[in-house]
Amino acid sequence: MQINISGHHVDISPSLRDYVTNKLDRLNRHHDHITNTDVTLIVDKLEQKAEATVHVSGADLFANSVSTDMYAAIDSLTDKLDRQLIKYKEKLRNHR
């Protein structure tokens, strides 16, 4: 899985990049056909936002999260994507 991380009004430090990569590696447990993931980290005045689009064979899954802490926003984002991938995989399994 290829992960593209970009920042809007925030510099992506190596530790932040490693944190995002480690969290998103968890998604591979649920689905093997993830082609790439685009992650955007945004800092507004008092909000830290994390947005991601996961490109899976047959669909694109999008999630976003807002928090006062960037690491908490990333945690919430990966939880949302995790749930979406499980739901998508169940949908594929029931369709067959």
N, C-alpha and C. Protein backbone atom coordinates (compact mmCIF):
# COMPACT_ATOMS: atom_id res chain seq x y z
N MET A 1 0.85 -1.17 0.00
CA MET A 1 0.00 0.00 0.00
C MET A 1 0.89 1.23 0.00
N GLN A 2 0.61 2.14 -0.91
CA GLN A 2 1.35 3.39 -0.99
C GLN A 2 0.58 4.45 -0.21
N ILE A 3 1.29 5.20 0.63
CA ILE A 3 0.66 6.24 1.44
C ILE A 3 1.24 7.58 1.05
N ASN A 4 0.37 8.51 0.63
CA ASN A 4 0.77 9.87 0.29
C ASN A 4 0.28 10.79 1.41
N ILE A 5 1.22 11.46 2.07
CA ILE A 5 0.87 12.33 3.19
C ILE A 5 1.21 13.76 2.81
N SER A 6 0.24 14.66 2.95
CA SER A 6 0.48 16.06 2.68
C SER A 6 -0.05 16.89 3.84
N GLY A 7 0.50 18.08 3.99
CA GLY A 7 0.09 18.95 5.07
C GLY A 7 -0.39 20.29 4.56
N HIS A 8 -1.39 20.82 5.20
CA HIS A 8 -1.92 22.14 4.87
C HIS A 8 -1.77 23.00 6.11
N HIS A 9 -0.89 23.96 6.07
CA HIS A 9 -0.54 24.82 7.21
C HIS A 9 0.14 24.03 8.32
N VAL A 10 0.79 22.94 7.97
CA VAL A 10 1.52 22.15 8.95
C VAL A 10 2.69 21.47 8.24
N ASP A 11 3.83 21.42 8.91
CA ASP A 11 4.97 20.69 8.39
C ASP A 11 4.86 19.24 8.85
N ILE A 12 5.08 18.33 7.93
CA ILE A 12 4.99 16.91 8.25
C ILE A 12 6.36 16.46 8.76
N SER A 13 6.46 16.28 10.06
CA SER A 13 7.72 15.84 10.66
C SER A 13 7.89 14.34 10.44
N PRO A 14 9.12 13.84 10.52
CA PRO A 14 9.31 12.39 10.38
C PRO A 14 8.54 11.57 11.42
N SER A 15 8.42 12.09 12.64
CA SER A 15 7.68 11.35 13.66
C SER A 15 6.19 11.30 13.33
N LEU A 16 5.64 12.40 12.81
CA LEU A 16 4.23 12.44 12.41
C LEU A 16 4.00 11.50 11.22
N ARG A 17 4.92 11.50 10.27
CA ARG A 17 4.83 10.61 9.11
C ARG A 17 4.86 9.14 9.55
N ASP A 18 5.76 8.81 10.47
CA ASP A 18 5.85 7.44 10.98
C ASP A 18 4.58 7.03 11.72
N TYR A 19 4.02 7.97 12.49
CA TYR A 19 2.80 7.68 13.24
C TYR A 19 1.64 7.37 12.29
N VAL A 20 1.48 8.19 11.25
CA VAL A 20 0.41 7.96 10.28
C VAL A 20 0.62 6.63 9.56
N THR A 21 1.85 6.36 9.15
CA THR A 21 2.15 5.13 8.43
C THR A 21 1.87 3.90 9.29
N ASN A 22 2.28 3.94 10.55
CA ASN A 22 2.04 2.80 11.44
C ASN A 22 0.55 2.58 11.69
N LYS A 23 -0.20 3.66 11.83
CA LYS A 23 -1.64 3.54 12.06
C LYS A 23 -2.36 2.99 10.83
N LEU A 24 -1.95 3.45 9.64
CA LEU A 24 -2.63 3.01 8.43
C LEU A 24 -2.23 1.61 8.00
N ASP A 25 -1.09 1.12 8.46
CA ASP A 25 -0.70 -0.26 8.16
C ASP A 25 -1.70 -1.25 8.75
N ARG A 26 -2.40 -0.83 9.78
CA ARG A 26 -3.41 -1.67 10.42
C ARG A 26 -4.56 -1.99 9.46
N LEU A 27 -4.79 -1.13 8.47
CA LEU A 27 -5.89 -1.35 7.54
C LEU A 27 -5.66 -2.56 6.64
N ASN A 28 -4.41 -2.92 6.43
CA ASN A 28 -4.11 -4.07 5.58
C ASN A 28 -4.60 -5.39 6.17
N ARG A 29 -4.88 -5.42 7.46
CA ARG A 29 -5.39 -6.65 8.08
C ARG A 29 -6.76 -7.01 7.53
N HIS A 30 -7.55 -6.01 7.17
CA HIS A 30 -8.93 -6.24 6.77
C HIS A 30 -9.11 -6.39 5.27
N HIS A 31 -8.25 -5.78 4.50
CA HIS A 31 -8.43 -5.82 3.05
C HIS A 31 -7.07 -5.85 2.38
N ASP A 32 -6.88 -6.80 1.47
CA ASP A 32 -5.58 -6.97 0.82
C ASP A 32 -5.40 -6.10 -0.42
N HIS A 33 -6.48 -5.60 -0.97
CA HIS A 33 -6.41 -4.91 -2.26
C HIS A 33 -6.48 -3.39 -2.13
N ILE A 34 -5.81 -2.84 -1.14
CA ILE A 34 -5.72 -1.38 -1.01
C ILE A 34 -4.58 -0.94 -1.92
N THR A 35 -4.89 -0.08 -2.89
CA THR A 35 -3.85 0.33 -3.83
C THR A 35 -3.04 1.49 -3.27
N ASN A 36 -3.70 2.56 -2.87
CA ASN A 36 -2.98 3.67 -2.25
C ASN A 36 -3.92 4.46 -1.34
N THR A 37 -3.30 5.28 -0.51
CA THR A 37 -4.04 6.09 0.46
C THR A 37 -3.49 7.51 0.42
N ASP A 38 -4.39 8.48 0.32
CA ASP A 38 -4.01 9.89 0.35
C ASP A 38 -4.46 10.47 1.68
N VAL A 39 -3.51 11.01 2.45
CA VAL A 39 -3.79 11.58 3.76
C VAL A 39 -3.44 13.06 3.72
N THR A 40 -4.34 13.90 4.21
CA THR A 40 -4.08 15.33 4.32
C THR A 40 -4.27 15.74 5.77
N LEU A 41 -3.25 16.36 6.33
CA LEU A 41 -3.30 16.87 7.70
C LEU A 41 -3.42 18.38 7.62
N ILE A 42 -4.42 18.94 8.31
CA ILE A 42 -4.75 20.36 8.20
C ILE A 42 -4.77 20.97 9.59
N VAL A 43 -4.17 22.14 9.72
CA VAL A 43 -4.22 22.88 10.98
C VAL A 43 -4.97 24.18 10.72
N ASP A 44 -6.12 24.34 11.37
CA ASP A 44 -6.82 25.61 11.39
C ASP A 44 -6.48 26.28 12.71
N LYS A 45 -7.14 27.35 13.04
CA LYS A 45 -6.77 28.11 14.24
C LYS A 45 -6.75 27.25 15.49
N LEU A 46 -7.86 26.63 15.83
CA LEU A 46 -7.93 25.83 17.05
C LEU A 46 -8.22 24.37 16.76
N GLU A 47 -8.30 24.00 15.49
CA GLU A 47 -8.67 22.64 15.13
C GLU A 47 -7.53 21.95 14.39
N GLN A 48 -7.41 20.69 14.64
CA GLN A 48 -6.48 19.83 13.90
C GLN A 48 -7.35 18.84 13.13
N LYS A 49 -7.20 18.81 11.81
CA LYS A 49 -8.03 17.93 10.98
C LYS A 49 -7.16 16.91 10.28
N ALA A 50 -7.70 15.73 10.13
CA ALA A 50 -7.06 14.68 9.35
C ALA A 50 -8.10 14.13 8.38
N GLU A 51 -7.73 14.07 7.11
CA GLU A 51 -8.61 13.55 6.08
C GLU A 51 -7.86 12.48 5.31
N ALA A 52 -8.57 11.45 4.87
CA ALA A 52 -7.93 10.39 4.11
C ALA A 52 -8.90 9.80 3.10
N THR A 53 -8.34 9.44 1.96
CA THR A 53 -9.07 8.70 0.94
C THR A 53 -8.31 7.41 0.69
N VAL A 54 -8.98 6.30 0.88
CA VAL A 54 -8.39 4.98 0.66
C VAL A 54 -8.94 4.45 -0.66
N HIS A 55 -8.04 4.15 -1.58
CA HIS A 55 -8.43 3.62 -2.88
C HIS A 55 -8.33 2.10 -2.83
N VAL A 56 -9.49 1.46 -2.90
CA VAL A 56 -9.59 0.01 -2.86
C VAL A 56 -10.09 -0.43 -4.23
N SER A 57 -9.76 -1.63 -4.64
CA SER A 57 -10.26 -2.11 -5.92
C SER A 57 -11.78 -2.11 -5.90
N GLY A 58 -12.37 -1.26 -6.72
CA GLY A 58 -13.82 -1.19 -6.80
C GLY A 58 -14.46 -0.05 -6.04
N ALA A 59 -13.73 0.66 -5.19
CA ALA A 59 -14.34 1.75 -4.42
C ALA A 59 -13.27 2.68 -3.86
N ASP A 60 -13.72 3.87 -3.48
CA ASP A 60 -12.89 4.83 -2.77
C ASP A 60 -13.59 5.13 -1.45
N LEU A 61 -12.86 5.00 -0.35
CA LEU A 61 -13.42 5.26 0.97
C LEU A 61 -12.83 6.55 1.50
N PHE A 62 -13.68 7.44 2.04
CA PHE A 62 -13.22 8.72 2.55
C PHE A 62 -13.64 8.86 4.01
N ALA A 63 -12.74 9.44 4.80
CA ALA A 63 -13.06 9.74 6.20
C ALA A 63 -12.31 10.99 6.60
N ASN A 64 -12.88 11.71 7.55
CA ASN A 64 -12.18 12.86 8.13
C ASN A 64 -12.45 12.90 9.62
N SER A 65 -11.57 13.61 10.32
CA SER A 65 -11.69 13.69 11.76
C SER A 65 -11.15 15.04 12.22
N VAL A 66 -11.77 15.60 13.24
CA VAL A 66 -11.37 16.89 13.79
C VAL A 66 -11.15 16.74 15.28
N SER A 67 -10.05 17.30 15.78
CA SER A 67 -9.75 17.25 17.20
C SER A 67 -8.86 18.43 17.55
N THR A 68 -8.61 18.61 18.84
CA THR A 68 -7.68 19.65 19.26
C THR A 68 -6.24 19.16 19.21
N ASP A 69 -6.05 17.85 19.08
CA ASP A 69 -4.72 17.24 19.01
C ASP A 69 -4.61 16.45 17.70
N MET A 70 -3.52 16.64 16.97
CA MET A 70 -3.35 15.97 15.68
C MET A 70 -3.29 14.46 15.83
N TYR A 71 -2.62 13.98 16.87
CA TYR A 71 -2.51 12.53 17.07
C TYR A 71 -3.88 11.91 17.38
N ALA A 72 -4.72 12.62 18.12
CA ALA A 72 -6.07 12.13 18.41
C ALA A 72 -6.91 12.12 17.13
N ALA A 73 -6.73 13.12 16.28
CA ALA A 73 -7.45 13.17 15.01
C ALA A 73 -7.04 12.00 14.11
N ILE A 74 -5.75 11.67 14.11
CA ILE A 74 -5.26 10.54 13.31
C ILE A 74 -5.82 9.23 13.85
N ASP A 75 -5.86 9.08 15.17
CA ASP A 75 -6.43 7.87 15.78
C ASP A 75 -7.89 7.69 15.39
N SER A 76 -8.65 8.76 15.49
CA SER A 76 -10.07 8.71 15.14
C SER A 76 -10.25 8.41 13.65
N LEU A 77 -9.40 8.99 12.83
CA LEU A 77 -9.47 8.77 11.39
C LEU A 77 -9.23 7.30 11.05
N THR A 78 -8.23 6.70 11.64
CA THR A 78 -7.94 5.29 11.33
C THR A 78 -9.05 4.38 11.84
N ASP A 79 -9.67 4.73 12.97
CA ASP A 79 -10.81 3.94 13.46
C ASP A 79 -11.97 3.99 12.47
N LYS A 80 -12.24 5.18 11.94
CA LYS A 80 -13.34 5.33 10.97
C LYS A 80 -13.05 4.55 9.69
N LEU A 81 -11.82 4.64 9.21
CA LEU A 81 -11.46 3.90 8.00
C LEU A 81 -11.51 2.40 8.23
N ASP A 82 -11.11 1.98 9.42
CA ASP A 82 -11.16 0.57 9.78
C ASP A 82 -12.59 0.04 9.71
N ARG A 83 -13.52 0.78 10.29
CA ARG A 83 -14.93 0.38 10.26
C ARG A 83 -15.47 0.36 8.82
N GLN A 84 -15.08 1.36 8.02
CA GLN A 84 -15.55 1.41 6.64
C GLN A 84 -15.03 0.23 5.82
N LEU A 85 -13.77 -0.14 6.05
CA LEU A 85 -13.20 -1.28 5.32
C LEU A 85 -13.89 -2.59 5.71
N ILE A 86 -14.18 -2.76 6.99
CA ILE A 86 -14.89 -3.97 7.43
C ILE A 86 -16.27 -4.03 6.79
N LYS A 87 -16.97 -2.90 6.77
CA LYS A 87 -18.30 -2.84 6.17
C LYS A 87 -18.23 -3.12 4.66
N TYR A 88 -17.23 -2.56 3.99
CA TYR A 88 -17.07 -2.78 2.56
C TYR A 88 -16.77 -4.25 2.26
N LYS A 89 -15.92 -4.86 3.07
CA LYS A 89 -15.57 -6.26 2.86
C LYS A 89 -16.79 -7.16 3.09
N GLU A 90 -17.60 -6.86 4.10
CA GLU A 90 -18.83 -7.63 4.35
C GLU A 90 -19.80 -7.47 3.18
N LYS A 91 -19.86 -6.27 2.64
CA LYS A 91 -20.74 -6.01 1.50
C LYS A 91 -20.31 -6.85 0.29
N LEU A 92 -19.01 -6.94 0.07
CA LEU A 92 -18.50 -7.76 -1.03
C LEU A 92 -18.79 -9.24 -0.79
N ARG A 93 -18.61 -9.68 0.43
CA ARG A 93 -18.81 -11.09 0.76
C ARG A 93 -20.28 -11.48 0.60
N ASN A 94 -21.20 -10.61 1.01
CA ASN A 94 -22.63 -10.91 0.91
C ASN A 94 -23.14 -10.82 -0.52
N HIS A 95 -22.44 -10.06 -1.34
CA HIS A 95 -22.88 -9.88 -2.72
C HIS A 95 -22.64 -11.13 -3.56
N ARG A 96 -21.62 -11.89 -3.21
CA ARG A 96 -21.26 -13.08 -4.00
C ARG A 96 -22.20 -14.17 -3.80
